[in-house]
Amino acid sequence: MLTKEDKLKEGLQLLMDNYWILRSALPKEYQFLRSMEKDLRQIISDKFGCRVYFHTDFIKLEKIPVEPEAWMGLLEFEEPMDYALFCCGLAFFEEKDIKEYFFVESYL
């Protein structure tokens, strides 16, 4: 039987290895993480400075750096709307529907 510490390590590993834990695709993993929601939120916030989102359809670890560096991002983009339009363009070219996900990291 796994101890609480072992479960937390396994949960953190799941979140670090996956961009999303979709409830429909990975129901056991989703429930496993959901059962440790409070502890995971605290650890991820305190130790890693990141956010974790628990939604009814998915769980997502947002791996945004605490302090942005000058080399991060696209220099030509000056406004948040520039990034929003870029993401919409990527979704269009990948022929994604409104409920489908795509990952920008694969293009940068």
C-alpha atoms as a PDB file:
ATOM      1  CA  MET A   1       0.000   0.000   0.000  1.00  0.00           C
ATOM      2  CA  LEU A   2       1.292   3.446  -0.929  1.00  0.00           C
ATOM      3  CA  THR A   3       1.909   6.040   1.758  1.00  0.00           C
ATOM      4  CA  LYS A   4       0.556   9.571   1.444  1.00  0.00           C
ATOM      5  CA  GLU A   5       4.034  10.791   0.477  1.00  0.00           C
ATOM      6  CA  ASP A   6       4.315   8.145  -2.259  1.00  0.00           C
ATOM      7  CA  LYS A   7       0.889   9.097  -3.601  1.00  0.00           C
ATOM      8  CA  LEU A   8       1.875  12.763  -3.707  1.00  0.00           C
ATOM      9  CA  LYS A   9       5.092  11.909  -5.566  1.00  0.00           C
ATOM     10  CA  GLU A  10       3.137   9.851  -8.075  1.00  0.00           C
ATOM     11  CA  GLY A  11       0.590  12.645  -8.479  1.00  0.00           C
ATOM     12  CA  LEU A  12       3.302  15.243  -9.037  1.00  0.00           C
ATOM     13  CA  GLN A  13       4.964  12.986 -11.600  1.00  0.00           C
ATOM     14  CA  LEU A  14       1.665  12.626 -13.481  1.00  0.00           C
ATOM     15  CA  LEU A  15       1.226  16.394 -13.584  1.00  0.00           C
ATOM     16  CA  MET A  16       4.810  17.070 -14.643  1.00  0.00           C
ATOM     17  CA  ASP A  17       4.684  14.480 -17.438  1.00  0.00           C
ATOM     18  CA  ASN A  18       1.343  15.564 -18.934  1.00  0.00           C
ATOM     19  CA  TYR A  19       0.049  18.900 -20.139  1.00  0.00           C
ATOM     20  CA  TRP A  20      -3.502  17.823 -19.428  1.00  0.00           C
ATOM     21  CA  ILE A  21      -5.166  14.982 -17.585  1.00  0.00           C
ATOM     22  CA  LEU A  22      -8.448  14.613 -19.429  1.00  0.00           C
ATOM     23  CA  ARG A  23     -11.185  12.968 -17.412  1.00  0.00           C
ATOM     24  CA  SER A  24     -12.553  11.218 -20.508  1.00  0.00           C
ATOM     25  CA  ALA A  25      -9.162   9.838 -21.598  1.00  0.00           C
ATOM     26  CA  LEU A  26      -7.568   9.028 -18.212  1.00  0.00           C
ATOM     27  CA  PRO A  27     -10.395   8.550 -15.664  1.00  0.00           C
ATOM     28  CA  LYS A  28      -8.311   6.643 -13.084  1.00  0.00           C
ATOM     29  CA  GLU A  29      -5.514   9.217 -13.134  1.00  0.00           C
ATOM     30  CA  TYR A  30      -8.048  12.050 -12.969  1.00  0.00           C
ATOM     31  CA  GLN A  31      -9.730  10.579  -9.865  1.00  0.00           C
ATOM     32  CA  PHE A  32      -6.356   9.821  -8.293  1.00  0.00           C
ATOM     33  CA  LEU A  33      -5.266  13.462  -8.642  1.00  0.00           C
ATOM     34  CA  ARG A  34      -8.661  14.772  -7.617  1.00  0.00           C
ATOM     35  CA  SER A  35      -8.441  12.828  -4.341  1.00  0.00           C
ATOM     36  CA  MET A  36      -5.258  14.764  -3.458  1.00  0.00           C
ATOM     37  CA  GLU A  37      -6.367  18.150  -4.788  1.00  0.00           C
ATOM     38  CA  LYS A  38      -5.759  20.216  -1.632  1.00  0.00           C
ATOM     39  CA  ASP A  39      -2.282  18.802  -0.942  1.00  0.00           C
ATOM     40  CA  LEU A  40      -1.206  19.037  -4.589  1.00  0.00           C
ATOM     41  CA  ARG A  41      -2.320  22.672  -4.853  1.00  0.00           C
ATOM     42  CA  GLN A  42      -0.299  23.594  -1.794  1.00  0.00           C
ATOM     43  CA  ILE A  43       2.874  21.757  -2.829  1.00  0.00           C
ATOM     44  CA  ILE A  44       2.786  23.024  -6.403  1.00  0.00           C
ATOM     45  CA  SER A  45       2.212  26.580  -5.272  1.00  0.00           C
ATOM     46  CA  ASP A  46       4.757  26.592  -2.428  1.00  0.00           C
ATOM     47  CA  LYS A  47       7.571  24.536  -3.956  1.00  0.00           C
ATOM     48  CA  PHE A  48       7.268  25.192  -7.699  1.00  0.00           C
ATOM     49  CA  GLY A  49       5.520  28.559  -7.893  1.00  0.00           C
ATOM     50  CA  CYS A  50       3.042  27.181 -10.437  1.00  0.00           C
ATOM     51  CA  ARG A  51      -0.720  26.809 -10.599  1.00  0.00           C
ATOM     52  CA  VAL A  52      -2.789  23.687 -10.991  1.00  0.00           C
ATOM     53  CA  TYR A  53      -6.339  23.845 -12.305  1.00  0.00           C
ATOM     54  CA  PHE A  54      -8.906  21.242 -11.316  1.00  0.00           C
ATOM     55  CA  HIS A  55     -11.834  21.392 -13.725  1.00  0.00           C
ATOM     56  CA  THR A  56     -14.743  18.987 -14.082  1.00  0.00           C
ATOM     57  CA  ASP A  57     -13.340  17.793 -17.434  1.00  0.00           C
ATOM     58  CA  PHE A  58      -9.572  18.073 -16.935  1.00  0.00           C
ATOM     59  CA  ILE A  59      -6.667  18.831 -14.622  1.00  0.00           C
ATOM     60  CA  LYS A  60      -3.916  21.105 -15.883  1.00  0.00           C
ATOM     61  CA  LEU A  61      -0.570  22.165 -14.456  1.00  0.00           C
ATOM     62  CA  GLU A  62       0.335  25.615 -15.699  1.00  0.00           C
ATOM     63  CA  LYS A  63       4.113  25.697 -16.048  1.00  0.00           C
ATOM     64  CA  ILE A  64       4.609  29.435 -16.404  1.00  0.00           C
ATOM     65  CA  PRO A  65       7.890  30.753 -15.021  1.00  0.00           C
ATOM     66  CA  VAL A  66       7.683  32.905 -11.924  1.00  0.00           C
ATOM     67  CA  GLU A  67       9.925  35.589 -13.434  1.00  0.00           C
ATOM     68  CA  PRO A  68       9.768  35.969 -17.234  1.00  0.00           C
ATOM     69  CA  GLU A  69      13.084  36.416 -19.009  1.00  0.00           C
ATOM     70  CA  ALA A  70      13.806  38.708 -21.968  1.00  0.00           C
ATOM     71  CA  TRP A  71      14.314  35.759 -24.361  1.00  0.00           C
ATOM     72  CA  MET A  72      10.876  34.298 -23.648  1.00  0.00           C
ATOM     73  CA  GLY A  73       8.129  35.052 -26.149  1.00  0.00           C
ATOM     74  CA  LEU A  74       8.134  36.495 -29.643  1.00  0.00           C
ATOM     75  CA  LEU A  75       9.814  39.886 -29.927  1.00  0.00           C
ATOM     76  CA  GLU A  76       7.432  41.099 -32.646  1.00  0.00           C
ATOM     77  CA  PHE A  77       4.437  40.601 -30.342  1.00  0.00           C
ATOM     78  CA  GLU A  78       3.750  43.692 -28.283  1.00  0.00           C
ATOM     79  CA  GLU A  79       0.239  43.120 -26.924  1.00  0.00           C
ATOM     80  CA  PRO A  80      -1.537  40.116 -25.362  1.00  0.00           C
ATOM     81  CA  MET A  81      -3.940  40.232 -28.328  1.00  0.00           C
ATOM     82  CA  ASP A  82      -1.001  39.392 -30.622  1.00  0.00           C
ATOM     83  CA  TYR A  83      -0.554  36.076 -28.808  1.00  0.00           C
ATOM     84  CA  ALA A  84      -4.308  35.432 -28.784  1.00  0.00           C
ATOM     85  CA  LEU A  85      -4.503  35.899 -32.560  1.00  0.00           C
ATOM     86  CA  PHE A  86      -1.431  33.696 -33.039  1.00  0.00           C
ATOM     87  CA  CYS A  87      -3.111  30.893 -31.068  1.00  0.00           C
ATOM     88  CA  CYS A  88      -6.337  31.306 -33.040  1.00  0.00           C
ATOM     89  CA  GLY A  89      -4.316  31.020 -36.248  1.00  0.00           C
ATOM     90  CA  LEU A  90      -2.649  27.831 -35.030  1.00  0.00           C
ATOM     91  CA  ALA A  91      -6.020  26.339 -34.109  1.00  0.00           C
ATOM     92  CA  PHE A  92      -7.398  27.262 -37.543  1.00  0.00           C
ATOM     93  CA  PHE A  93      -4.488  25.724 -39.448  1.00  0.00           C
ATOM     94  CA  GLU A  94      -4.678  22.554 -37.371  1.00  0.00           C
ATOM     95  CA  GLU A  95      -8.421  22.445 -38.084  1.00  0.00           C
ATOM     96  CA  LYS A  96      -9.238  22.210 -34.393  1.00  0.00           C
ATOM     97  CA  ASP A  97     -12.774  22.410 -33.099  1.00  0.00           C
ATOM     98  CA  ILE A  98     -13.752  24.670 -30.205  1.00  0.00           C
ATOM     99  CA  LYS A  99     -13.454  21.835 -27.651  1.00  0.00           C
ATOM    100  CA  GLU A 100     -10.157  20.412 -28.940  1.00  0.00           C
ATOM    101  CA  TYR A 101      -6.751  21.314 -27.564  1.00  0.00           C
ATOM    102  CA  PHE A 102      -3.501  22.123 -29.299  1.00  0.00           C
ATOM    103  CA  PHE A 103      -0.044  22.834 -27.936  1.00  0.00           C
ATOM    104  CA  VAL A 104       1.806  25.964 -28.947  1.00  0.00           C
ATOM    105  CA  GLU A 105       5.121  24.619 -27.606  1.00  0.00           C
ATOM    106  CA  SER A 106       5.456  22.291 -30.592  1.00  0.00           C
ATOM    107  CA  TYR A 107       5.739  25.296 -32.915  1.00  0.00           C
ATOM    108  CA  LEU A 108       8.234  27.430 -31.019  1.00  0.00           C
END
